[in-house]
Amino acid sequence: MAQFAGTPVGDAMVYATQGGKGLRGFLVIESARLHGVEPESSVKAAAAIEALHAYSLIHDDLPSMDNDDLRRGRPTVHVKWDEATAVLAGDALQTLAFELLAQMDVDPAVSIDLVGSLARAAGAGGMVLGQAQDIAAETADSPLALDQIVALQQNKTGALIRWSAEAGARLARCDVAPMTRYADALGLAFQIADDILDVEGDAEKAGKRLQKDAGAGKATFVGLLGLDGAKSRAEALVQDAEAALDPYGDAALVLKQAARFVISREY
C-alpha cells in the first residue's frame, strides 16, 4: 500500500487499513493452512479481503449511511479528510482487492473462482444488499423479525466472513461446505457480539461510538432477544461453528479458538 501514499486518496487508503482485528485476513490464511496451502500462497487473498473490508467501513461511516465520526479509535476517513476523498479511497480499495486476487500465482481457474466469489459476496446479492436492508430497517413501519435480522446480517457482515473462511478450500480446490457452515455460524455470532458491545461495551476499547443502534432504529439481536437471549444465541452459534470443524480434527484448533474469540472480545 505504500506505493499509494503521497496523495490524499492514497494516504486515506493506507489510513483506513491500519488497526482493526484483521479477522477476515486471518480466516483466509488459517483456512488455507487447514487445506494444506502455505501462507505465502494465500497472503494476497488475505490482503484482498482486508482491502475490501476497509472500503466497506469507509463507505458505511459516511454521512449518507451510518454517519460515524470514529472508527478503530481514530477519526473516520471523511472526518479526517472530506467526503469526496472518503468515497474515492473506498472505491480504490475495492478495486485493489480484485487486482490483488488477479496477481496471485495460482491456476487461472482458481483465480477466476476467487474473483467471482468475492464479487458475489461483496455485491448486490451479498454485503451491499445487507447494507441496503440495514438502512431500510431504520425507517420500516414495524421492527424486523428474527429471521429477517438473521438474513440481513448474513449479508451485511456474514458474506465477507463466509468468503474468507471458504478461501482456503477454494485455493486447494476442496469442498467448501464445512467452512461455509463454520463461517455462517461465526458470522452471526460476530454480529451478535457487536450488538452486545454496543449496549454494554467500553467505547475506548471498542474504538467507536457505542449505544447508538437503538437510537438510530437499527435492527439488532439485542433489541429482539434481550441481552441474556443474545448472549445465549451467540454461545450456541459458537458451538455450531466448532462442530462444523470436527471433520478436520486437531488441525482446526486455531479456527475453533477464533470462534471463541469472536464472542469474548472487547472491541
C-alpha atoms as a PDB file:
ATOM      1  CA  MET A   1       0.000   0.000   0.000  1.00  0.00           C
ATOM      2  CA  ALA A   2       2.999   2.271   0.397  1.00  0.00           C
ATOM      3  CA  GLN A   3       3.002   2.937  -3.349  1.00  0.00           C
ATOM      4  CA  PHE A   4      -0.294   4.833  -2.951  1.00  0.00           C
ATOM      5  CA  ALA A   5       0.983   7.211  -0.274  1.00  0.00           C
ATOM      6  CA  GLY A   6       1.614  10.850  -1.070  1.00  0.00           C
ATOM      7  CA  THR A   7      -1.825  11.838  -2.352  1.00  0.00           C
ATOM      8  CA  PRO A   8      -4.972  12.436  -0.281  1.00  0.00           C
ATOM      9  CA  VAL A   9      -6.679   9.347  -1.695  1.00  0.00           C
ATOM     10  CA  GLY A  10      -3.567   7.200  -1.271  1.00  0.00           C
ATOM     11  CA  ASP A  11      -2.954   8.402   2.265  1.00  0.00           C
ATOM     12  CA  ALA A  12      -6.605   7.754   3.124  1.00  0.00           C
ATOM     13  CA  MET A  13      -6.326   4.200   1.753  1.00  0.00           C
ATOM     14  CA  VAL A  14      -3.324   3.469   3.958  1.00  0.00           C
ATOM     15  CA  TYR A  15      -5.018   5.095   6.967  1.00  0.00           C
ATOM     16  CA  ALA A  16      -8.201   3.065   6.526  1.00  0.00           C
ATOM     17  CA  THR A  17      -6.386  -0.273   6.507  1.00  0.00           C
ATOM     18  CA  GLN A  18      -4.466   0.342   9.727  1.00  0.00           C
ATOM     19  CA  GLY A  19      -5.633  -1.168  13.013  1.00  0.00           C
ATOM     20  CA  GLY A  20      -8.610  -3.434  13.435  1.00  0.00           C
ATOM     21  CA  LYS A  21      -8.807  -7.122  14.236  1.00  0.00           C
ATOM     22  CA  GLY A  22      -7.706  -8.489  10.863  1.00  0.00           C
ATOM     23  CA  LEU A  23     -10.213 -11.312  11.359  1.00  0.00           C
ATOM     24  CA  ARG A  24     -11.073 -11.791   7.700  1.00  0.00           C
ATOM     25  CA  GLY A  25      -7.458 -11.948   6.562  1.00  0.00           C
ATOM     26  CA  PHE A  26      -6.700 -14.319   9.440  1.00  0.00           C
ATOM     27  CA  LEU A  27      -9.540 -16.595   8.348  1.00  0.00           C
ATOM     28  CA  VAL A  28      -8.163 -16.707   4.801  1.00  0.00           C
ATOM     29  CA  ILE A  29      -4.679 -17.714   5.937  1.00  0.00           C
ATOM     30  CA  GLU A  30      -5.876 -20.214   8.542  1.00  0.00           C
ATOM     31  CA  SER A  31      -8.443 -21.814   6.260  1.00  0.00           C
ATOM     32  CA  ALA A  32      -5.716 -22.122   3.627  1.00  0.00           C
ATOM     33  CA  ARG A  33      -3.340 -23.716   6.145  1.00  0.00           C
ATOM     34  CA  LEU A  34      -6.094 -26.138   7.135  1.00  0.00           C
ATOM     35  CA  HIS A  35      -6.274 -27.268   3.497  1.00  0.00           C
ATOM     36  CA  GLY A  36      -2.521 -27.591   3.006  1.00  0.00           C
ATOM     37  CA  VAL A  37      -1.895 -24.186   1.412  1.00  0.00           C
ATOM     38  CA  GLU A  38       1.107 -22.283   2.795  1.00  0.00           C
ATOM     39  CA  PRO A  39       0.680 -18.674   3.999  1.00  0.00           C
ATOM     40  CA  GLU A  40       2.850 -17.249   1.220  1.00  0.00           C
ATOM     41  CA  SER A  41       0.349 -18.647  -1.265  1.00  0.00           C
ATOM     42  CA  SER A  42      -2.688 -17.164   0.475  1.00  0.00           C
ATOM     43  CA  VAL A  43      -1.405 -13.809   1.728  1.00  0.00           C
ATOM     44  CA  LYS A  44      -2.628 -11.838  -1.299  1.00  0.00           C
ATOM     45  CA  ALA A  45      -6.115 -13.243  -0.859  1.00  0.00           C
ATOM     46  CA  ALA A  46      -5.917 -12.198   2.803  1.00  0.00           C
ATOM     47  CA  ALA A  47      -4.795  -8.706   1.808  1.00  0.00           C
ATOM     48  CA  ALA A  48      -7.593  -8.545  -0.765  1.00  0.00           C
ATOM     49  CA  ILE A  49     -10.356  -9.220   1.740  1.00  0.00           C
ATOM     50  CA  GLU A  50      -8.892  -6.728   4.215  1.00  0.00           C
ATOM     51  CA  ALA A  51      -8.782  -4.062   1.478  1.00  0.00           C
ATOM     52  CA  LEU A  52     -12.370  -4.760   0.529  1.00  0.00           C
ATOM     53  CA  HIS A  53     -13.485  -4.760   4.155  1.00  0.00           C
ATOM     54  CA  ALA A  54     -11.755  -1.414   4.711  1.00  0.00           C
ATOM     55  CA  TYR A  55     -13.617   0.014   1.709  1.00  0.00           C
ATOM     56  CA  SER A  56     -16.912  -1.153   3.184  1.00  0.00           C
ATOM     57  CA  LEU A  57     -16.143   0.540   6.504  1.00  0.00           C
ATOM     58  CA  ILE A  58     -15.203   3.842   4.858  1.00  0.00           C
ATOM     59  CA  HIS A  59     -18.479   3.922   2.956  1.00  0.00           C
ATOM     60  CA  ASP A  60     -20.530   2.627   5.901  1.00  0.00           C
ATOM     61  CA  ASP A  61     -19.243   5.527   8.034  1.00  0.00           C
ATOM     62  CA  LEU A  62     -20.278   8.199   5.503  1.00  0.00           C
ATOM     63  CA  PRO A  63     -22.915  10.807   6.451  1.00  0.00           C
ATOM     64  CA  SER A  64     -25.325   9.293   3.919  1.00  0.00           C
ATOM     65  CA  MET A  65     -25.139   5.920   5.700  1.00  0.00           C
ATOM     66  CA  ASP A  66     -24.229   5.487   9.389  1.00  0.00           C
ATOM     67  CA  ASN A  67     -22.655   8.938   9.781  1.00  0.00           C
ATOM     68  CA  ASP A  68     -19.964   7.783  12.207  1.00  0.00           C
ATOM     69  CA  ASP A  69     -17.084  10.017  13.241  1.00  0.00           C
ATOM     70  CA  LEU A  70     -14.916   7.400  14.976  1.00  0.00           C
ATOM     71  CA  ARG A  71     -13.512   4.097  13.711  1.00  0.00           C
ATOM     72  CA  ARG A  72     -10.786   1.983  15.329  1.00  0.00           C
ATOM     73  CA  GLY A  73     -10.224   4.746  17.874  1.00  0.00           C
ATOM     74  CA  ARG A  74      -9.491   7.381  15.233  1.00  0.00           C
ATOM     75  CA  PRO A  75     -11.490   9.881  13.165  1.00  0.00           C
ATOM     76  CA  THR A  76     -13.255   8.243  10.247  1.00  0.00           C
ATOM     77  CA  VAL A  77     -11.864   8.931   6.778  1.00  0.00           C
ATOM     78  CA  HIS A  78     -14.473  11.507   5.785  1.00  0.00           C
ATOM     79  CA  VAL A  79     -13.851  13.378   9.036  1.00  0.00           C
ATOM     80  CA  LYS A  80     -10.060  13.347   8.729  1.00  0.00           C
ATOM     81  CA  TRP A  81     -10.148  14.310   5.041  1.00  0.00           C
ATOM     82  CA  ASP A  82     -13.509  15.019   3.396  1.00  0.00           C
ATOM     83  CA  GLU A  83     -16.441  13.096   1.979  1.00  0.00           C
ATOM     84  CA  ALA A  84     -15.193  13.021  -1.617  1.00  0.00           C
ATOM     85  CA  THR A  85     -11.792  11.680  -0.569  1.00  0.00           C
ATOM     86  CA  ALA A  86     -13.503   9.007   1.531  1.00  0.00           C
ATOM     87  CA  VAL A  87     -15.670   7.872  -1.385  1.00  0.00           C
ATOM     88  CA  LEU A  88     -12.675   7.695  -3.721  1.00  0.00           C
ATOM     89  CA  ALA A  89     -10.444   5.923  -1.195  1.00  0.00           C
ATOM     90  CA  GLY A  90     -13.171   3.330  -0.696  1.00  0.00           C
ATOM     91  CA  ASP A  91     -13.563   2.899  -4.439  1.00  0.00           C
ATOM     92  CA  ALA A  92      -9.816   2.435  -4.844  1.00  0.00           C
ATOM     93  CA  LEU A  93      -9.603  -0.148  -2.047  1.00  0.00           C
ATOM     94  CA  GLN A  94     -12.443  -2.125  -3.587  1.00  0.00           C
ATOM     95  CA  THR A  95     -10.700  -2.340  -6.959  1.00  0.00           C
ATOM     96  CA  LEU A  96      -7.354  -3.056  -5.281  1.00  0.00           C
ATOM     97  CA  ALA A  97      -8.893  -6.186  -3.755  1.00  0.00           C
ATOM     98  CA  PHE A  98      -9.566  -7.672  -7.186  1.00  0.00           C
ATOM     99  CA  GLU A  99      -6.175  -6.563  -8.507  1.00  0.00           C
ATOM    100  CA  LEU A 100      -4.512  -8.496  -5.667  1.00  0.00           C
ATOM    101  CA  LEU A 101      -6.502 -11.629  -6.460  1.00  0.00           C
ATOM    102  CA  ALA A 102      -5.569 -11.339 -10.136  1.00  0.00           C
ATOM    103  CA  GLN A 103      -1.872 -11.172  -9.180  1.00  0.00           C
ATOM    104  CA  MET A 104      -1.907 -14.474  -7.300  1.00  0.00           C
ATOM    105  CA  ASP A 105       0.360 -17.212  -8.615  1.00  0.00           C
ATOM    106  CA  VAL A 106      -2.355 -19.843  -8.877  1.00  0.00           C
ATOM    107  CA  ASP A 107      -4.120 -21.783 -11.590  1.00  0.00           C
ATOM    108  CA  PRO A 108      -6.244 -19.329 -13.647  1.00  0.00           C
ATOM    109  CA  ALA A 109      -9.382 -21.326 -12.810  1.00  0.00           C
ATOM    110  CA  VAL A 110      -8.704 -20.809  -9.100  1.00  0.00           C
ATOM    111  CA  SER A 111      -8.114 -17.092  -9.643  1.00  0.00           C
ATOM    112  CA  ILE A 112     -11.386 -16.753 -11.547  1.00  0.00           C
ATOM    113  CA  ASP A 113     -13.212 -18.618  -8.780  1.00  0.00           C
ATOM    114  CA  LEU A 114     -11.774 -16.327  -6.100  1.00  0.00           C
ATOM    115  CA  VAL A 115     -12.574 -13.163  -8.067  1.00  0.00           C
ATOM    116  CA  GLY A 116     -16.098 -14.264  -8.954  1.00  0.00           C
ATOM    117  CA  SER A 117     -16.983 -15.483  -5.477  1.00  0.00           C
ATOM    118  CA  LEU A 118     -15.682 -12.300  -3.849  1.00  0.00           C
ATOM    119  CA  ALA A 119     -17.632 -10.154  -6.297  1.00  0.00           C
ATOM    120  CA  ARG A 120     -20.795 -12.042  -5.387  1.00  0.00           C
ATOM    121  CA  ALA A 121     -20.085 -11.818  -1.653  1.00  0.00           C
ATOM    122  CA  ALA A 122     -19.442  -8.072  -1.805  1.00  0.00           C
ATOM    123  CA  GLY A 123     -22.101  -7.065  -4.292  1.00  0.00           C
ATOM    124  CA  ALA A 124     -25.827  -6.504  -4.645  1.00  0.00           C
ATOM    125  CA  GLY A 125     -26.630 -10.051  -3.542  1.00  0.00           C
ATOM    126  CA  GLY A 126     -24.285 -10.003  -0.545  1.00  0.00           C
ATOM    127  CA  MET A 127     -22.741  -7.253   1.578  1.00  0.00           C
ATOM    128  CA  VAL A 128     -24.289  -4.355  -0.346  1.00  0.00           C
ATOM    129  CA  LEU A 129     -27.702  -5.995  -0.093  1.00  0.00           C
ATOM    130  CA  GLY A 130     -27.215  -6.289   3.659  1.00  0.00           C
ATOM    131  CA  GLN A 131     -26.284  -2.616   3.911  1.00  0.00           C
ATOM    132  CA  ALA A 132     -29.421  -1.677   1.979  1.00  0.00           C
ATOM    133  CA  GLN A 133     -31.545  -3.911   4.213  1.00  0.00           C
ATOM    134  CA  ASP A 134     -29.979  -2.279   7.284  1.00  0.00           C
ATOM    135  CA  ILE A 135     -30.794   1.220   6.045  1.00  0.00           C
ATOM    136  CA  ALA A 136     -34.349   0.231   5.135  1.00  0.00           C
ATOM    137  CA  ALA A 137     -34.902  -1.263   8.599  1.00  0.00           C
ATOM    138  CA  GLU A 138     -34.261   2.112  10.224  1.00  0.00           C
ATOM    139  CA  THR A 139     -37.458   3.547   8.758  1.00  0.00           C
ATOM    140  CA  ALA A 140     -39.567   0.380   8.477  1.00  0.00           C
ATOM    141  CA  ASP A 141     -43.143   0.576   9.753  1.00  0.00           C
ATOM    142  CA  SER A 142     -42.583  -2.428  12.025  1.00  0.00           C
ATOM    143  CA  PRO A 143     -39.488  -3.978  13.636  1.00  0.00           C
ATOM    144  CA  LEU A 144     -37.783  -6.824  11.816  1.00  0.00           C
ATOM    145  CA  ALA A 145     -38.495 -10.361  12.943  1.00  0.00           C
ATOM    146  CA  LEU A 146     -35.651 -12.637  13.996  1.00  0.00           C
ATOM    147  CA  ASP A 147     -35.407 -14.409  10.648  1.00  0.00           C
ATOM    148  CA  GLN A 148     -35.241 -11.039   8.876  1.00  0.00           C
ATOM    149  CA  ILE A 149     -32.419  -9.827  11.141  1.00  0.00           C
ATOM    150  CA  VAL A 150     -30.560 -13.090  10.524  1.00  0.00           C
ATOM    151  CA  ALA A 151     -30.939 -12.683   6.745  1.00  0.00           C
ATOM    152  CA  LEU A 152     -29.790  -9.052   6.935  1.00  0.00           C
ATOM    153  CA  GLN A 153     -26.680  -9.877   8.940  1.00  0.00           C
ATOM    154  CA  GLN A 154     -25.810 -12.934   6.850  1.00  0.00           C
ATOM    155  CA  ASN A 155     -25.495 -10.471   4.002  1.00  0.00           C
ATOM    156  CA  LYS A 156     -24.046  -7.360   5.620  1.00  0.00           C
ATOM    157  CA  THR A 157     -21.489  -8.982   7.926  1.00  0.00           C
ATOM    158  CA  GLY A 158     -21.609 -12.655   7.072  1.00  0.00           C
ATOM    159  CA  ALA A 159     -20.929 -12.567   3.333  1.00  0.00           C
ATOM    160  CA  LEU A 160     -17.304 -11.401   3.629  1.00  0.00           C
ATOM    161  CA  ILE A 161     -16.639 -13.647   6.628  1.00  0.00           C
ATOM    162  CA  ARG A 162     -18.025 -16.572   4.635  1.00  0.00           C
ATOM    163  CA  TRP A 163     -15.761 -15.812   1.678  1.00  0.00           C
ATOM    164  CA  SER A 164     -12.756 -15.510   3.989  1.00  0.00           C
ATOM    165  CA  ALA A 165     -13.358 -18.893   5.593  1.00  0.00           C
ATOM    166  CA  GLU A 166     -14.026 -20.565   2.237  1.00  0.00           C
ATOM    167  CA  ALA A 167     -10.971 -19.069   0.519  1.00  0.00           C
ATOM    168  CA  GLY A 168      -8.558 -21.773   1.701  1.00  0.00           C
ATOM    169  CA  ALA A 169     -10.772 -24.542   0.367  1.00  0.00           C
ATOM    170  CA  ARG A 170     -11.129 -22.675  -2.911  1.00  0.00           C
ATOM    171  CA  LEU A 171      -7.349 -22.327  -3.186  1.00  0.00           C
ATOM    172  CA  ALA A 172      -6.927 -26.056  -2.562  1.00  0.00           C
ATOM    173  CA  ARG A 173      -9.883 -26.976  -4.808  1.00  0.00           C
ATOM    174  CA  CYS A 174     -11.592 -28.735  -1.924  1.00  0.00           C
ATOM    175  CA  ASP A 175     -15.214 -28.884  -0.817  1.00  0.00           C
ATOM    176  CA  VAL A 176     -16.151 -25.548   0.775  1.00  0.00           C
ATOM    177  CA  ALA A 177     -19.240 -26.870   2.609  1.00  0.00           C
ATOM    178  CA  PRO A 178     -17.670 -27.429   6.080  1.00  0.00           C
ATOM    179  CA  MET A 179     -16.106 -23.967   6.001  1.00  0.00           C
ATOM    180  CA  THR A 180     -19.400 -22.453   4.874  1.00  0.00           C
ATOM    181  CA  ARG A 181     -21.164 -23.965   7.893  1.00  0.00           C
ATOM    182  CA  TYR A 182     -18.394 -22.714  10.158  1.00  0.00           C
ATOM    183  CA  ALA A 183     -18.491 -19.221   8.682  1.00  0.00           C
ATOM    184  CA  ASP A 184     -22.274 -18.874   8.754  1.00  0.00           C
ATOM    185  CA  ALA A 185     -22.312 -19.606  12.482  1.00  0.00           C
ATOM    186  CA  LEU A 186     -19.216 -17.487  13.123  1.00  0.00           C
ATOM    187  CA  GLY A 187     -20.559 -14.505  11.191  1.00  0.00           C
ATOM    188  CA  LEU A 188     -23.826 -14.401  13.121  1.00  0.00           C
ATOM    189  CA  ALA A 189     -22.003 -14.841  16.432  1.00  0.00           C
ATOM    190  CA  PHE A 190     -19.707 -11.962  15.442  1.00  0.00           C
ATOM    191  CA  GLN A 191     -22.648  -9.661  14.745  1.00  0.00           C
ATOM    192  CA  ILE A 192     -24.446 -10.617  17.943  1.00  0.00           C
ATOM    193  CA  ALA A 193     -21.238  -9.827  19.850  1.00  0.00           C
ATOM    194  CA  ASP A 194     -21.143  -6.428  18.119  1.00  0.00           C
ATOM    195  CA  ASP A 195     -24.745  -5.776  19.159  1.00  0.00           C
ATOM    196  CA  ILE A 196     -23.903  -6.727  22.745  1.00  0.00           C
ATOM    197  CA  LEU A 197     -20.822  -4.497  22.756  1.00  0.00           C
ATOM    198  CA  ASP A 198     -22.917  -1.594  21.510  1.00  0.00           C
ATOM    199  CA  VAL A 199     -25.018  -1.907  24.657  1.00  0.00           C
ATOM    200  CA  GLU A 200     -22.515  -2.788  27.385  1.00  0.00           C
ATOM    201  CA  GLY A 201     -19.058  -2.352  25.863  1.00  0.00           C
ATOM    202  CA  ASP A 202     -16.303   0.164  26.632  1.00  0.00           C
ATOM    203  CA  ALA A 203     -16.123   2.829  23.902  1.00  0.00           C
ATOM    204  CA  GLU A 204     -12.391   3.352  24.443  1.00  0.00           C
ATOM    205  CA  LYS A 205     -11.657  -0.336  23.950  1.00  0.00           C
ATOM    206  CA  ALA A 206     -14.127  -0.650  21.088  1.00  0.00           C
ATOM    207  CA  GLY A 207     -12.625   2.345  19.296  1.00  0.00           C
ATOM    208  CA  LYS A 208     -16.017   3.675  18.167  1.00  0.00           C
ATOM    209  CA  ARG A 209     -19.156   5.296  19.496  1.00  0.00           C
ATOM    210  CA  LEU A 210     -21.413   2.868  21.335  1.00  0.00           C
ATOM    211  CA  GLN A 211     -25.062   2.769  22.402  1.00  0.00           C
ATOM    212  CA  LYS A 212     -26.181   4.316  19.121  1.00  0.00           C
ATOM    213  CA  ASP A 213     -28.005   1.441  17.424  1.00  0.00           C
ATOM    214  CA  ALA A 214     -31.262   1.735  19.351  1.00  0.00           C
ATOM    215  CA  GLY A 215     -31.442   5.486  18.842  1.00  0.00           C
ATOM    216  CA  ALA A 216     -30.884   5.053  15.111  1.00  0.00           C
ATOM    217  CA  GLY A 217     -33.661   2.481  14.835  1.00  0.00           C
ATOM    218  CA  LYS A 218     -31.190  -0.269  13.961  1.00  0.00           C
ATOM    219  CA  ALA A 219     -32.363  -3.861  13.795  1.00  0.00           C
ATOM    220  CA  THR A 220     -30.298  -5.761  16.372  1.00  0.00           C
ATOM    221  CA  PHE A 221     -30.291  -9.149  18.067  1.00  0.00           C
ATOM    222  CA  VAL A 222     -30.203  -7.479  21.475  1.00  0.00           C
ATOM    223  CA  GLY A 223     -33.265  -5.422  20.620  1.00  0.00           C
ATOM    224  CA  LEU A 224     -35.215  -8.566  19.760  1.00  0.00           C
ATOM    225  CA  LEU A 225     -33.764 -11.187  22.126  1.00  0.00           C
ATOM    226  CA  GLY A 226     -32.586  -9.055  25.054  1.00  0.00           C
ATOM    227  CA  LEU A 227     -29.037  -9.169  26.410  1.00  0.00           C
ATOM    228  CA  ASP A 228     -29.261 -12.600  28.004  1.00  0.00           C
ATOM    229  CA  GLY A 229     -31.010 -14.079  24.998  1.00  0.00           C
ATOM    230  CA  ALA A 230     -28.442 -12.610  22.632  1.00  0.00           C
ATOM    231  CA  LYS A 231     -25.573 -13.986  24.705  1.00  0.00           C
ATOM    232  CA  SER A 232     -27.147 -17.451  24.751  1.00  0.00           C
ATOM    233  CA  ARG A 233     -27.672 -17.352  20.989  1.00  0.00           C
ATOM    234  CA  ALA A 234     -24.044 -16.311  20.434  1.00  0.00           C
ATOM    235  CA  GLU A 235     -22.759 -19.168  22.582  1.00  0.00           C
ATOM    236  CA  ALA A 236     -24.913 -21.680  20.686  1.00  0.00           C
ATOM    237  CA  LEU A 237     -23.610 -20.355  17.378  1.00  0.00           C
ATOM    238  CA  VAL A 238     -20.006 -20.735  18.513  1.00  0.00           C
ATOM    239  CA  GLN A 239     -20.721 -24.334  19.408  1.00  0.00           C
ATOM    240  CA  ASP A 240     -22.177 -24.808  15.911  1.00  0.00           C
ATOM    241  CA  ALA A 241     -19.043 -23.262  14.387  1.00  0.00           C
ATOM    242  CA  GLU A 242     -16.801 -25.575  16.404  1.00  0.00           C
ATOM    243  CA  ALA A 243     -18.841 -28.620  15.429  1.00  0.00           C
ATOM    244  CA  ALA A 244     -18.560 -27.731  11.739  1.00  0.00           C
ATOM    245  CA  LEU A 245     -14.778 -28.106  12.053  1.00  0.00           C
ATOM    246  CA  ASP A 246     -14.855 -31.525  13.723  1.00  0.00           C
ATOM    247  CA  PRO A 247     -14.041 -33.343  10.438  1.00  0.00           C
ATOM    248  CA  TYR A 248     -10.638 -31.619  10.454  1.00  0.00           C
ATOM    249  CA  GLY A 249      -9.687 -32.873  13.908  1.00  0.00           C
ATOM    250  CA  ASP A 250      -6.947 -31.126  15.880  1.00  0.00           C
ATOM    251  CA  ALA A 251      -5.797 -29.249  12.779  1.00  0.00           C
ATOM    252  CA  ALA A 252      -8.782 -26.905  13.217  1.00  0.00           C
ATOM    253  CA  LEU A 253      -7.980 -25.932  16.818  1.00  0.00           C
ATOM    254  CA  VAL A 254      -6.892 -22.380  15.911  1.00  0.00           C
ATOM    255  CA  LEU A 255     -10.097 -21.727  13.975  1.00  0.00           C
ATOM    256  CA  LYS A 256     -12.139 -23.063  16.895  1.00  0.00           C
ATOM    257  CA  GLN A 257     -10.282 -20.657  19.174  1.00  0.00           C
ATOM    258  CA  ALA A 258     -11.101 -17.859  16.730  1.00  0.00           C
ATOM    259  CA  ALA A 259     -14.794 -18.639  17.155  1.00  0.00           C
ATOM    260  CA  ARG A 260     -14.389 -18.305  20.925  1.00  0.00           C
ATOM    261  CA  PHE A 261     -12.546 -15.001  20.465  1.00  0.00           C
ATOM    262  CA  VAL A 262     -15.421 -13.606  18.418  1.00  0.00           C
ATOM    263  CA  ILE A 263     -17.810 -13.599  21.396  1.00  0.00           C
ATOM    264  CA  SER A 264     -15.258 -12.850  24.143  1.00  0.00           C
ATOM    265  CA  ARG A 265     -13.641  -9.807  22.536  1.00  0.00           C
ATOM    266  CA  GLU A 266     -13.918  -6.260  23.885  1.00  0.00           C
ATOM    267  CA  TYR A 267     -13.533  -4.477  20.524  1.00  0.00           C
END
